Structures are given as structure tokens and as C-alpha cells.
Amino acid sequence: MAKRKRTGRRLNGEGSIYQRKDGRYVCQITLEGKARYFYGKSPQEVKDKRDTAIAQANKGILPDNNKVSVEQWLSIWMEEYKRDSVKPSVYHSYAQLIRLYINPAIGKRKLKDLNE
């Protein structure tokens, strides 16, 4: 088995960057409980892709994920963005509207399938 070429010491959460047999570099990190892989021609390109994905996840922007449903995203949105930013009565109203109208109608659809 060939040794993987490391590109330097890494911190927790940065993922492993190594060179594949085909010459490309790859980084694997765990993001939102799932393994994510980033590929590039150089270690810097891979680091940039990784850093962008981590920054987007920290801002609550969904990564390129084709499996997230409307119901799952609305649950995250309510807890992460609305719980502390609106009055409790408004939060309750939003939750009720989502539970009664949005989730039964389109909650099981994937976000990627929605269009304007």
C-alpha cells in the first residue's frame, strides 16, 4: 500500500489532506455528521474548498447536499435562526404554520427539487 503524502500538520476539524495515486489532492472532513470530500489539483485548492464549506456551514448555508428535505431545513431554520430572534408568540405562529401547512404539502420534497 502506497504512503499518502501529507501537506503539513492539521488542527481538529480541518480534515486530512493527502495526494491520491492519480495526482489529485483530497480532503475529508466530517460536516453536519456526514463525511465530505473535497478534491483539487493542489493542497491550497483543496484547503480553500474545505474552508468555504466550513464557513458556509457556520453561517447556516446548506452544503451541496441533495438529501435535505424542506421539513429538515425548516426545523434547522427555526431552531438556529428564529428561536432567539423573534418573540415567543411569533415563533409559535411560525411553528404552527410550518406544522399545519408547509410540511404536509411539501415537507418531504428535497430542497434541490424546489424552484421559483
PDB file of N, CA and C in Angstrom:
ATOM      1  N   MET A   1       0.843  -1.175   0.000  1.00  0.00           N
ATOM      2  CA  MET A   1       0.000   0.000   0.000  1.00  0.00           C
ATOM      3  C   MET A   1       0.892   1.243   0.000  1.00  0.00           C
ATOM      4  N   ALA A   2       0.603   2.196  -0.881  1.00  0.00           N
ATOM      5  CA  ALA A   2       1.410   3.410  -1.006  1.00  0.00           C
ATOM      6  C   ALA A   2       1.141   4.360   0.146  1.00  0.00           C
ATOM      7  N   LYS A   3       2.197   5.059   0.565  1.00  0.00           N
ATOM      8  CA  LYS A   3       2.036   6.041   1.630  1.00  0.00           C
ATOM      9  C   LYS A   3       1.386   7.290   1.061  1.00  0.00           C
ATOM     10  N   ARG A   4       0.554   7.911   1.885  1.00  0.00           N
ATOM     11  CA  ARG A   4      -0.085   9.147   1.481  1.00  0.00           C
ATOM     12  C   ARG A   4       0.816  10.318   1.829  1.00  0.00           C
ATOM     13  N   LYS A   5       0.905  11.239   0.913  1.00  0.00           N
ATOM     14  CA  LYS A   5       1.744  12.410   1.131  1.00  0.00           C
ATOM     15  C   LYS A   5       0.949  13.449   1.926  1.00  0.00           C
ATOM     16  N   ARG A   6       1.413  13.779   3.106  1.00  0.00           N
ATOM     17  CA  ARG A   6       0.754  14.771   3.952  1.00  0.00           C
ATOM     18  C   ARG A   6       1.257  16.154   3.601  1.00  0.00           C
ATOM     19  N   THR A   7       0.386  17.145   3.781  1.00  0.00           N
ATOM     20  CA  THR A   7       0.757  18.517   3.429  1.00  0.00           C
ATOM     21  C   THR A   7       1.005  19.381   4.648  1.00  0.00           C
ATOM     22  N   GLY A   8       1.232  18.790   5.794  1.00  0.00           N
ATOM     23  CA  GLY A   8       1.502  19.581   6.995  1.00  0.00           C
ATOM     24  C   GLY A   8       0.608  19.186   8.145  1.00  0.00           C
ATOM     25  N   ARG A   9       0.928  19.727   9.283  1.00  0.00           N
ATOM     26  CA  ARG A   9       0.163  19.422  10.491  1.00  0.00           C
ATOM     27  C   ARG A   9      -1.208  20.078  10.417  1.00  0.00           C
ATOM     28  N   ARG A  10      -2.206  19.417  10.958  1.00  0.00           N
ATOM     29  CA  ARG A  10      -3.564  19.939  10.921  1.00  0.00           C
ATOM     30  C   ARG A  10      -4.145  20.028  12.323  1.00  0.00           C
ATOM     31  N   LEU A  11      -5.146  20.869  12.468  1.00  0.00           N
ATOM     32  CA  LEU A  11      -5.860  21.032  13.727  1.00  0.00           C
ATOM     33  C   LEU A  11      -7.126  20.196  13.695  1.00  0.00           C
ATOM     34  N   ASN A  12      -7.745  20.005  14.855  1.00  0.00           N
ATOM     35  CA  ASN A  12      -9.004  19.271  14.911  1.00  0.00           C
ATOM     36  C   ASN A  12     -10.048  19.938  14.022  1.00  0.00           C
ATOM     37  N   GLY A  13     -10.767  19.136  13.248  1.00  0.00           N
ATOM     38  CA  GLY A  13     -11.820  19.639  12.386  1.00  0.00           C
ATOM     39  C   GLY A  13     -11.351  20.083  11.014  1.00  0.00           C
ATOM     40  N   GLU A  14     -10.050  20.104  10.781  1.00  0.00           N
ATOM     41  CA  GLU A  14      -9.541  20.541   9.487  1.00  0.00           C
ATOM     42  C   GLU A  14      -9.559  19.437   8.444  1.00  0.00           C
ATOM     43  N   GLY A  15      -9.638  18.211   8.864  1.00  0.00           N
ATOM     44  CA  GLY A  15      -9.659  17.111   7.915  1.00  0.00           C
ATOM     45  C   GLY A  15      -8.265  16.722   7.466  1.00  0.00           C
ATOM     46  N   SER A  16      -8.195  15.617   6.776  1.00  0.00           N
ATOM     47  CA  SER A  16      -6.928  15.097   6.274  1.00  0.00           C
ATOM     48  C   SER A  16      -6.775  15.471   4.814  1.00  0.00           C
ATOM     49  N   ILE A  17      -5.635  16.028   4.455  1.00  0.00           N
ATOM     50  CA  ILE A  17      -5.349  16.340   3.057  1.00  0.00           C
ATOM     51  C   ILE A  17      -4.202  15.441   2.620  1.00  0.00           C
ATOM     52  N   TYR A  18      -4.421  14.743   1.535  1.00  0.00           N
ATOM     53  CA  TYR A  18      -3.374  13.862   1.027  1.00  0.00           C
ATOM     54  C   TYR A  18      -3.478  13.777  -0.489  1.00  0.00           C
ATOM     55  N   GLN A  19      -2.418  13.281  -1.098  1.00  0.00           N
ATOM     56  CA  GLN A  19      -2.371  13.149  -2.542  1.00  0.00           C
ATOM     57  C   GLN A  19      -2.743  11.729  -2.932  1.00  0.00           C
ATOM     58  N   ARG A  20      -3.629  11.619  -3.907  1.00  0.00           N
ATOM     59  CA  ARG A  20      -4.050  10.316  -4.408  1.00  0.00           C
ATOM     60  C   ARG A  20      -3.069   9.818  -5.456  1.00  0.00           C
ATOM     61  N   LYS A  21      -3.223   8.557  -5.835  1.00  0.00           N
ATOM     62  CA  LYS A  21      -2.357   7.962  -6.854  1.00  0.00           C
ATOM     63  C   LYS A  21      -2.481   8.678  -8.195  1.00  0.00           C
ATOM     64  N   ASP A  22      -3.654   9.220  -8.481  1.00  0.00           N
ATOM     65  CA  ASP A  22      -3.850   9.909  -9.759  1.00  0.00           C
ATOM     66  C   ASP A  22      -3.302  11.340  -9.757  1.00  0.00           C
ATOM     67  N   GLY A  23      -2.700  11.778  -8.644  1.00  0.00           N
ATOM     68  CA  GLY A  23      -2.075  13.090  -8.576  1.00  0.00           C
ATOM     69  C   GLY A  23      -2.941  14.172  -7.960  1.00  0.00           C
ATOM     70  N   ARG A  24      -4.254  13.931  -7.850  1.00  0.00           N
ATOM     71  CA  ARG A  24      -5.138  14.927  -7.240  1.00  0.00           C
ATOM     72  C   ARG A  24      -4.987  14.892  -5.728  1.00  0.00           C
ATOM     73  N   TYR A  25      -5.315  16.009  -5.105  1.00  0.00           N
ATOM     74  CA  TYR A  25      -5.330  16.087  -3.653  1.00  0.00           C
ATOM     75  C   TYR A  25      -6.769  15.971  -3.183  1.00  0.00           C
ATOM     76  N   VAL A  26      -6.932  15.408  -2.002  1.00  0.00           N
ATOM     77  CA  VAL A  26      -8.261  15.217  -1.447  1.00  0.00           C
ATOM     78  C   VAL A  26      -8.234  15.550   0.038  1.00  0.00           C
ATOM     79  N   CYS A  27      -9.347  16.070   0.513  1.00  0.00           N
ATOM     80  CA  CYS A  27      -9.515  16.358   1.932  1.00  0.00           C
ATOM     81  C   CYS A  27     -10.838  15.752   2.373  1.00  0.00           C
ATOM     82  N   GLN A  28     -10.816  15.104   3.513  1.00  0.00           N
ATOM     83  CA  GLN A  28     -12.046  14.559   4.076  1.00  0.00           C
ATOM     84  C   GLN A  28     -12.282  15.224   5.417  1.00  0.00           C
ATOM     85  N   ILE A  29     -13.512  15.746   5.606  1.00  0.00           N
ATOM     86  CA  ILE A  29     -13.910  16.283   6.901  1.00  0.00           C
ATOM     87  C   ILE A  29     -15.291  15.752   7.232  1.00  0.00           C
ATOM     88  N   THR A  30     -15.646  15.826   8.497  1.00  0.00           N
ATOM     89  CA  THR A  30     -16.996  15.494   8.915  1.00  0.00           C
ATOM     90  C   THR A  30     -17.728  16.811   9.108  1.00  0.00           C
ATOM     91  N   LEU A  31     -18.793  17.001   8.354  1.00  0.00           N
ATOM     92  CA  LEU A  31     -19.558  18.234   8.383  1.00  0.00           C
ATOM     93  C   LEU A  31     -21.017  17.874   8.543  1.00  0.00           C
ATOM     94  N   GLU A  32     -21.628  18.396   9.587  1.00  0.00           N
ATOM     95  CA  GLU A  32     -23.029  18.107   9.890  1.00  0.00           C
ATOM     96  C   GLU A  32     -23.273  16.605  10.006  1.00  0.00           C
ATOM     97  N   GLY A  33     -22.320  15.908  10.597  1.00  0.00           N
ATOM     98  CA  GLY A  33     -22.466  14.487  10.851  1.00  0.00           C
ATOM     99  C   GLY A  33     -22.188  13.584   9.667  1.00  0.00           C
ATOM    100  N   LYS A  34     -21.771  14.141   8.551  1.00  0.00           N
ATOM    101  CA  LYS A  34     -21.517  13.324   7.363  1.00  0.00           C
ATOM    102  C   LYS A  34     -20.127  13.613   6.824  1.00  0.00           C
ATOM    103  N   ALA A  35     -19.527  12.594   6.251  1.00  0.00           N
ATOM    104  CA  ALA A  35     -18.206  12.759   5.640  1.00  0.00           C
ATOM    105  C   ALA A  35     -18.350  13.539   4.344  1.00  0.00           C
ATOM    106  N   ARG A  36     -17.497  14.544   4.173  1.00  0.00           N
ATOM    107  CA  ARG A  36     -17.474  15.342   2.954  1.00  0.00           C
ATOM    108  C   ARG A  36     -16.068  15.268   2.371  1.00  0.00           C
ATOM    109  N   TYR A  37     -15.989  15.175   1.063  1.00  0.00           N
ATOM    110  CA  TYR A  37     -14.712  15.084   0.373  1.00  0.00           C
ATOM    111  C   TYR A  37     -14.564  16.275  -0.569  1.00  0.00           C
ATOM    112  N   PHE A  38     -13.354  16.837  -0.605  1.00  0.00           N
ATOM    113  CA  PHE A  38     -13.050  17.945  -1.486  1.00  0.00           C
ATOM    114  C   PHE A  38     -11.807  17.574  -2.284  1.00  0.00           C
ATOM    115  N   TYR A  39     -11.858  17.781  -3.594  1.00  0.00           N
ATOM    116  CA  TYR A  39     -10.769  17.402  -4.483  1.00  0.00           C
ATOM    117  C   TYR A  39     -10.198  18.629  -5.167  1.00  0.00           C
ATOM    118  N   GLY A  40      -8.907  18.569  -5.491  1.00  0.00           N
ATOM    119  CA  GLY A  40      -8.281  19.670  -6.202  1.00  0.00           C
ATOM    120  C   GLY A  40      -6.936  19.272  -6.764  1.00  0.00           C
ATOM    121  N   LYS A  41      -6.376  20.164  -7.570  1.00  0.00           N
ATOM    122  CA  LYS A  41      -5.076  19.911  -8.199  1.00  0.00           C
ATOM    123  C   LYS A  41      -3.919  20.262  -7.280  1.00  0.00           C
ATOM    124  N   SER A  42      -4.203  21.054  -6.233  1.00  0.00           N
ATOM    125  CA  SER A  42      -3.153  21.440  -5.294  1.00  0.00           C
ATOM    126  C   SER A  42      -3.713  21.404  -3.874  1.00  0.00           C
ATOM    127  N   PRO A  43      -2.830  21.302  -2.884  1.00  0.00           N
ATOM    128  CA  PRO A  43      -3.300  21.325  -1.497  1.00  0.00           C
ATOM    129  C   PRO A  43      -4.030  22.632  -1.163  1.00  0.00           C
ATOM    130  N   GLN A  44      -3.573  23.747  -1.733  1.00  0.00           N
ATOM    131  CA  GLN A  44      -4.215  25.037  -1.451  1.00  0.00           C
ATOM    132  C   GLN A  44      -5.635  25.085  -1.997  1.00  0.00           C
ATOM    133  N   GLU A  45      -5.841  24.534  -3.184  1.00  0.00           N
ATOM    134  CA  GLU A  45      -7.181  24.496  -3.778  1.00  0.00           C
ATOM    135  C   GLU A  45      -8.129  23.695  -2.893  1.00  0.00           C
ATOM    136  N   VAL A  46      -7.653  22.575  -2.378  1.00  0.00           N
ATOM    137  CA  VAL A  46      -8.472  21.735  -1.503  1.00  0.00           C
ATOM    138  C   VAL A  46      -8.771  22.469  -0.188  1.00  0.00           C
ATOM    139  N   LYS A  47      -7.754  23.127   0.369  1.00  0.00           N
ATOM    140  CA  LYS A  47      -7.955  23.887   1.608  1.00  0.00           C
ATOM    141  C   LYS A  47      -8.990  24.984   1.408  1.00  0.00           C
ATOM    142  N   ASP A  48      -8.926  25.674   0.282  1.00  0.00           N
ATOM    143  CA  ASP A  48      -9.893  26.741   0.003  1.00  0.00           C
ATOM    144  C   ASP A  48     -11.314  26.194  -0.072  1.00  0.00           C
ATOM    145  N   LYS A  49     -11.484  25.069  -0.751  1.00  0.00           N
ATOM    146  CA  LYS A  49     -12.812  24.447  -0.845  1.00  0.00           C
ATOM    147  C   LYS A  49     -13.312  24.023   0.532  1.00  0.00           C
ATOM    148  N   ARG A  50     -12.417  23.420   1.320  1.00  0.00           N
ATOM    149  CA  ARG A  50     -12.769  22.996   2.670  1.00  0.00           C
ATOM    150  C   ARG A  50     -13.174  24.188   3.534  1.00  0.00           C
ATOM    151  N   ASP A  51     -12.368  25.242   3.501  1.00  0.00           N
ATOM    152  CA  ASP A  51     -12.646  26.425   4.318  1.00  0.00           C
ATOM    153  C   ASP A  51     -13.962  27.085   3.929  1.00  0.00           C
ATOM    154  N   THR A  52     -14.262  27.114   2.639  1.00  0.00           N
ATOM    155  CA  THR A  52     -15.530  27.676   2.165  1.00  0.00           C
ATOM    156  C   THR A  52     -16.706  26.861   2.689  1.00  0.00           C
ATOM    157  N   ALA A  53     -16.597  25.541   2.628  1.00  0.00           N
ATOM    158  CA  ALA A  53     -17.682  24.676   3.113  1.00  0.00           C
ATOM    159  C   ALA A  53     -17.888  24.838   4.618  1.00  0.00           C
ATOM    160  N   ILE A  54     -16.796  24.935   5.373  1.00  0.00           N
ATOM    161  CA  ILE A  54     -16.905  25.115   6.830  1.00  0.00           C
ATOM    162  C   ILE A  54     -17.530  26.465   7.144  1.00  0.00           C
ATOM    163  N   ALA A  55     -17.114  27.517   6.431  1.00  0.00           N
ATOM    164  CA  ALA A  55     -17.673  28.850   6.658  1.00  0.00           C
ATOM    165  C   ALA A  55     -19.168  28.883   6.341  1.00  0.00           C
ATOM    166  N   GLN A  56     -19.561  28.227   5.256  1.00  0.00           N
ATOM    167  CA  GLN A  56     -20.976  28.185   4.895  1.00  0.00           C
ATOM    168  C   GLN A  56     -21.780  27.421   5.935  1.00  0.00           C
ATOM    169  N   ALA A  57     -21.226  26.327   6.433  1.00  0.00           N
ATOM    170  CA  ALA A  57     -21.925  25.555   7.462  1.00  0.00           C
ATOM    171  C   ALA A  57     -22.071  26.386   8.734  1.00  0.00           C
ATOM    172  N   ASN A  58     -21.058  27.157   9.078  1.00  0.00           N
ATOM    173  CA  ASN A  58     -21.128  28.003  10.269  1.00  0.00           C
ATOM    174  C   ASN A  58     -22.157  29.118  10.114  1.00  0.00           C
ATOM    175  N   LYS A  59     -22.388  29.563   8.866  1.00  0.00           N
ATOM    176  CA  LYS A  59     -23.385  30.599   8.604  1.00  0.00           C
ATOM    177  C   LYS A  59     -24.778  30.006   8.422  1.00  0.00           C
ATOM    178  N   GLY A  60     -24.855  28.680   8.365  1.00  0.00           N
ATOM    179  CA  GLY A  60     -26.141  28.028   8.184  1.00  0.00           C
ATOM    180  C   GLY A  60     -26.532  27.805   6.748  1.00  0.00           C
ATOM    181  N   ILE A  61     -25.614  28.071   5.843  1.00  0.00           N
ATOM    182  CA  ILE A  61     -25.883  27.825   4.435  1.00  0.00           C
ATOM    183  C   ILE A  61     -25.673  26.343   4.182  1.00  0.00           C
ATOM    184  N   LEU A  62     -26.619  25.749   3.533  1.00  0.00           N
ATOM    185  CA  LEU A  62     -26.527  24.318   3.297  1.00  0.00           C
ATOM    186  C   LEU A  62     -25.388  23.970   2.358  1.00  0.00           C
ATOM    187  N   PRO A  63     -24.667  22.922   2.689  1.00  0.00           N
ATOM    188  CA  PRO A  63     -23.666  22.450   1.742  1.00  0.00           C
ATOM    189  C   PRO A  63     -24.351  21.800   0.549  1.00  0.00           C
ATOM    190  N   ASP A  64     -23.534  21.450  -0.427  1.00  0.00           N
ATOM    191  CA  ASP A  64     -24.070  20.778  -1.598  1.00  0.00           C
ATOM    192  C   ASP A  64     -24.611  19.419  -1.158  1.00  0.00           C
ATOM    193  N   ASN A  65     -25.852  19.386  -0.761  1.00  0.00           N
ATOM    194  CA  ASN A  65     -26.419  18.154  -0.230  1.00  0.00           C
ATOM    195  C   ASN A  65     -27.766  17.928  -0.891  1.00  0.00           C
ATOM    196  N   ASN A  66     -27.891  16.862  -1.620  1.00  0.00           N
ATOM    197  CA  ASN A  66     -29.126  16.591  -2.348  1.00  0.00           C
ATOM    198  C   ASN A  66     -30.167  15.857  -1.526  1.00  0.00           C
ATOM    199  N   LYS A  67     -29.884  15.595  -0.260  1.00  0.00           N
ATOM    200  CA  LYS A  67     -30.783  14.768   0.537  1.00  0.00           C
ATOM    201  C   LYS A  67     -31.571  15.539   1.582  1.00  0.00           C
ATOM    202  N   VAL A  68     -31.387  16.854   1.699  1.00  0.00           N
ATOM    203  CA  VAL A  68     -32.061  17.638   2.726  1.00  0.00           C
ATOM    204  C   VAL A  68     -33.475  17.960   2.265  1.00  0.00           C
ATOM    205  N   SER A  69     -34.444  17.625   3.113  1.00  0.00           N
ATOM    206  CA  SER A  69     -35.836  17.894   2.781  1.00  0.00           C
ATOM    207  C   SER A  69     -36.237  19.272   3.304  1.00  0.00           C
ATOM    208  N   VAL A  70     -37.352  19.766   2.813  1.00  0.00           N
ATOM    209  CA  VAL A  70     -37.889  21.042   3.267  1.00  0.00           C
ATOM    210  C   VAL A  70     -38.165  20.975   4.770  1.00  0.00           C
ATOM    211  N   GLU A  71     -38.740  19.887   5.219  1.00  0.00           N
ATOM    212  CA  GLU A  71     -39.047  19.708   6.638  1.00  0.00           C
ATOM    213  C   GLU A  71     -37.783  19.764   7.500  1.00  0.00           C
ATOM    214  N   GLN A  72     -36.713  19.095   7.071  1.00  0.00           N
ATOM    215  CA  GLN A  72     -35.456  19.117   7.821  1.00  0.00           C
ATOM    216  C   GLN A  72     -34.869  20.520   7.863  1.00  0.00           C
ATOM    217  N   TRP A  73     -34.874  21.208   6.722  1.00  0.00           N
ATOM    218  CA  TRP A  73     -34.308  22.551   6.682  1.00  0.00           C
ATOM    219  C   TRP A  73     -35.128  23.509   7.547  1.00  0.00           C
ATOM    220  N   LEU A  74     -36.446  23.421   7.497  1.00  0.00           N
ATOM    221  CA  LEU A  74     -37.274  24.312   8.306  1.00  0.00           C
ATOM    222  C   LEU A  74     -37.059  24.071   9.800  1.00  0.00           C
ATOM    223  N   SER A  75     -36.814  22.844  10.173  1.00  0.00           N
ATOM    224  CA  SER A  75     -36.510  22.543  11.571  1.00  0.00           C
ATOM    225  C   SER A  75     -35.211  23.222  11.995  1.00  0.00           C
ATOM    226  N   ILE A  76     -34.189  23.120  11.162  1.00  0.00           N
ATOM    227  CA  ILE A  76     -32.906  23.784  11.443  1.00  0.00           C
ATOM    228  C   ILE A  76     -33.105  25.297  11.473  1.00  0.00           C
ATOM    229  N   TRP A  77     -33.821  25.816  10.503  1.00  0.00           N
ATOM    230  CA  TRP A  77     -34.051  27.252  10.393  1.00  0.00           C
ATOM    231  C   TRP A  77     -34.756  27.801  11.633  1.00  0.00           C
ATOM    232  N   MET A  78     -35.758  27.086  12.087  1.00  0.00           N
ATOM    233  CA  MET A  78     -36.497  27.539  13.274  1.00  0.00           C
ATOM    234  C   MET A  78     -35.597  27.559  14.505  1.00  0.00           C
ATOM    235  N   GLU A  79     -34.841  26.500  14.713  1.00  0.00           N
ATOM    236  CA  GLU A  79     -34.007  26.407  15.917  1.00  0.00           C
ATOM    237  C   GLU A  79     -32.802  27.338  15.866  1.00  0.00           C
ATOM    238  N   GLU A  80     -32.140  27.411  14.726  1.00  0.00           N
ATOM    239  CA  GLU A  80     -30.899  28.175  14.625  1.00  0.00           C
ATOM    240  C   GLU A  80     -31.111  29.666  14.386  1.00  0.00           C
ATOM    241  N   TYR A  81     -32.167  30.032  13.656  1.00  0.00           N
ATOM    242  CA  TYR A  81     -32.314  31.417  13.231  1.00  0.00           C
ATOM    243  C   TYR A  81     -33.496  32.148  13.856  1.00  0.00           C
ATOM    244  N   LYS A  82     -34.526  31.456  14.229  1.00  0.00           N
ATOM    245  CA  LYS A  82     -35.721  32.143  14.690  1.00  0.00           C
ATOM    246  C   LYS A  82     -35.966  32.069  16.194  1.00  0.00           C
ATOM    247  N   ARG A  83     -35.519  31.021  16.863  1.00  0.00           N
ATOM    248  CA  ARG A  83     -35.823  30.848  18.287  1.00  0.00           C
ATOM    249  C   ARG A  83     -35.439  32.075  19.112  1.00  0.00           C
ATOM    250  N   ASP A  84     -34.267  32.618  18.907  1.00  0.00           N
ATOM    251  CA  ASP A  84     -33.797  33.743  19.710  1.00  0.00           C
ATOM    252  C   ASP A  84     -33.972  35.097  19.035  1.00  0.00           C
ATOM    253  N   SER A  85     -34.471  35.123  17.807  1.00  0.00           N
ATOM    254  CA  SER A  85     -34.550  36.399  17.096  1.00  0.00           C
ATOM    255  C   SER A  85     -35.975  36.954  16.978  1.00  0.00           C
ATOM    256  N   VAL A  86     -36.967  36.182  17.358  1.00  0.00           N
ATOM    257  CA  VAL A  86     -38.353  36.660  17.311  1.00  0.00           C
ATOM    258  C   VAL A  86     -39.014  36.428  18.661  1.00  0.00           C
ATOM    259  N   LYS A  87     -40.121  37.097  18.862  1.00  0.00           N
ATOM    260  CA  LYS A  87     -40.871  36.922  20.102  1.00  0.00           C
ATOM    261  C   LYS A  87     -41.404  35.491  20.177  1.00  0.00           C
ATOM    262  N   PRO A  88     -41.602  34.985  21.399  1.00  0.00           N
ATOM    263  CA  PRO A  88     -42.141  33.618  21.533  1.00  0.00           C
ATOM    264  C   PRO A  88     -43.463  33.405  20.806  1.00  0.00           C
ATOM    265  N   SER A  89     -44.321  34.417  20.781  1.00  0.00           N
ATOM    266  CA  SER A  89     -45.606  34.264  20.093  1.00  0.00           C
ATOM    267  C   SER A  89     -45.409  34.124  18.580  1.00  0.00           C
ATOM    268  N   VAL A  90     -44.460  34.861  18.037  1.00  0.00           N
ATOM    269  CA  VAL A  90     -44.168  34.775  16.600  1.00  0.00           C
ATOM    270  C   VAL A  90     -43.552  33.410  16.287  1.00  0.00           C
ATOM    271  N   TYR A  91     -42.631  32.973  17.141  1.00  0.00           N
ATOM    272  CA  TYR A  91     -42.012  31.659  16.962  1.00  0.00           C
ATOM    273  C   TYR A  91     -43.092  30.570  16.958  1.00  0.00           C
ATOM    274  N   HIS A  92     -44.009  30.644  17.889  1.00  0.00           N
ATOM    275  CA  HIS A  92     -45.090  29.656  17.974  1.00  0.00           C
ATOM    276  C   HIS A  92     -45.952  29.700  16.706  1.00  0.00           C
ATOM    277  N   SER A  93     -46.242  30.903  16.213  1.00  0.00           N
ATOM    278  CA  SER A  93     -47.042  31.036  14.990  1.00  0.00           C
ATOM    279  C   SER A  93     -46.326  30.412  13.795  1.00  0.00           C
ATOM    280  N   TYR A  94     -45.027  30.699  13.671  1.00  0.00           N
ATOM    281  CA  TYR A  94     -44.241  30.099  12.586  1.00  0.00           C
ATOM    282  C   TYR A  94     -44.275  28.579  12.678  1.00  0.00           C
ATOM    283  N   ALA A  95     -44.033  28.062  13.864  1.00  0.00           N
ATOM    284  CA  ALA A  95     -44.005  26.605  14.054  1.00  0.00           C
ATOM    285  C   ALA A  95     -45.346  25.987  13.684  1.00  0.00           C
ATOM    286  N   GLN A  96     -46.408  26.650  14.062  1.00  0.00           N
ATOM    287  CA  GLN A  96     -47.745  26.134  13.755  1.00  0.00           C
ATOM    288  C   GLN A  96     -48.006  26.154  12.248  1.00  0.00           C
ATOM    289  N   LEU A  97     -47.650  27.238  11.577  1.00  0.00           N
ATOM    290  CA  LEU A  97     -47.840  27.325  10.128  1.00  0.00           C
ATOM    291  C   LEU A  97     -47.037  26.247   9.398  1.00  0.00           C
ATOM    292  N   ILE A  98     -45.817  26.058   9.849  1.00  0.00           N
ATOM    293  CA  ILE A  98     -44.977  25.019   9.239  1.00  0.00           C
ATOM    294  C   ILE A  98     -45.583  23.646   9.457  1.00  0.00           C
ATOM    295  N   ARG A  99     -45.994  23.365  10.687  1.00  0.00           N
ATOM    296  CA  ARG A  99     -46.536  22.046  11.027  1.00  0.00           C
ATOM    297  C   ARG A  99     -47.854  21.761  10.310  1.00  0.00           C
ATOM    298  N   LEU A 100     -48.738  22.770  10.209  1.00  0.00           N
ATOM    299  CA  LEU A 100     -50.074  22.548   9.656  1.00  0.00           C
ATOM    300  C   LEU A 100     -50.150  22.659   8.132  1.00  0.00           C
ATOM    301  N   TYR A 101     -49.319  23.519   7.549  1.00  0.00           N
ATOM    302  CA  TYR A 101     -49.480  23.799   6.132  1.00  0.00           C
ATOM    303  C   TYR A 101     -48.278  23.428   5.257  1.00  0.00           C
ATOM    304  N   ILE A 102     -47.110  23.848   5.653  1.00  0.00           N
ATOM    305  CA  ILE A 102     -45.943  23.644   4.787  1.00  0.00           C
ATOM    306  C   ILE A 102     -45.501  22.188   4.774  1.00  0.00           C
ATOM    307  N   ASN A 103     -45.282  21.604   5.955  1.00  0.00           N
ATOM    308  CA  ASN A 103     -44.795  20.223   5.990  1.00  0.00           C
ATOM    309  C   ASN A 103     -45.751  19.224   5.343  1.00  0.00           C
ATOM    310  N   PRO A 104     -47.064  19.303   5.584  1.00  0.00           N
ATOM    311  CA  PRO A 104     -47.941  18.347   4.886  1.00  0.00           C
ATOM    312  C   PRO A 104     -47.928  18.514   3.364  1.00  0.00           C
ATOM    313  N   ALA A 105     -47.748  19.754   2.897  1.00  0.00           N
ATOM    314  CA  ALA A 105     -47.795  19.997   1.454  1.00  0.00           C
ATOM    315  C   ALA A 105     -46.473  19.662   0.762  1.00  0.00           C
ATOM    316  N   ILE A 106     -45.360  20.167   1.292  1.00  0.00           N
ATOM    317  CA  ILE A 106     -44.079  19.994   0.596  1.00  0.00           C
ATOM    318  C   ILE A 106     -42.940  19.564   1.513  1.00  0.00           C
ATOM    319  N   GLY A 107     -43.221  19.196   2.726  1.00  0.00           N
ATOM    320  CA  GLY A 107     -42.181  18.868   3.704  1.00  0.00           C
ATOM    321  C   GLY A 107     -41.274  17.726   3.304  1.00  0.00           C
ATOM    322  N   LYS A 108     -41.771  16.760   2.577  1.00  0.00           N
ATOM    323  CA  LYS A 108     -40.967  15.593   2.185  1.00  0.00           C
ATOM    324  C   LYS A 108     -40.146  15.829   0.925  1.00  0.00           C
ATOM    325  N   ARG A 109     -40.413  16.912   0.213  1.00  0.00           N
ATOM    326  CA  ARG A 109     -39.654  17.215  -1.011  1.00  0.00           C
ATOM    327  C   ARG A 109     -38.247  17.652  -0.649  1.00  0.00           C
ATOM    328  N   LYS A 110     -37.331  17.389  -1.531  1.00  0.00           N
ATOM    329  CA  LYS A 110     -35.943  17.792  -1.343  1.00  0.00           C
ATOM    330  C   LYS A 110     -35.785  19.272  -1.730  1.00  0.00           C
ATOM    331  N   LEU A 111     -34.941  19.976  -1.006  1.00  0.00           N
ATOM    332  CA  LEU A 111     -34.693  21.384  -1.302  1.00  0.00           C
ATOM    333  C   LEU A 111     -34.210  21.561  -2.741  1.00  0.00           C
ATOM    334  N   LYS A 112     -33.391  20.638  -3.201  1.00  0.00           N
ATOM    335  CA  LYS A 112     -32.836  20.755  -4.553  1.00  0.00           C
ATOM    336  C   LYS A 112     -33.917  20.684  -5.629  1.00  0.00           C
ATOM    337  N   ASP A 113     -35.092  20.127  -5.293  1.00  0.00           N
ATOM    338  CA  ASP A 113     -36.161  19.973  -6.264  1.00  0.00           C
ATOM    339  C   ASP A 113     -37.075  21.190  -6.345  1.00  0.00           C
ATOM    340  N   LEU A 114     -36.907  22.135  -5.423  1.00  0.00           N
ATOM    341  CA  LEU A 114     -37.733  23.331  -5.430  1.00  0.00           C
ATOM    342  C   LEU A 114     -37.175  24.330  -6.437  1.00  0.00           C
ATOM    343  N   ASN A 115     -38.062  25.024  -7.110  1.00  0.00           N
ATOM    344  CA  ASN A 115     -37.637  26.097  -8.000  1.00  0.00           C
ATOM    345  C   ASN A 115     -38.651  27.239  -7.889  1.00  0.00           C
ATOM    346  N   GLU A 116     -38.302  28.352  -8.450  1.00  0.00           N
ATOM    347  CA  GLU A 116     -39.097  29.570  -8.288  1.00  0.00           C
ATOM    348  C   GLU A 116     -40.471  29.440  -8.868  1.00  0.00           C
TER     349      GLU A 116
END
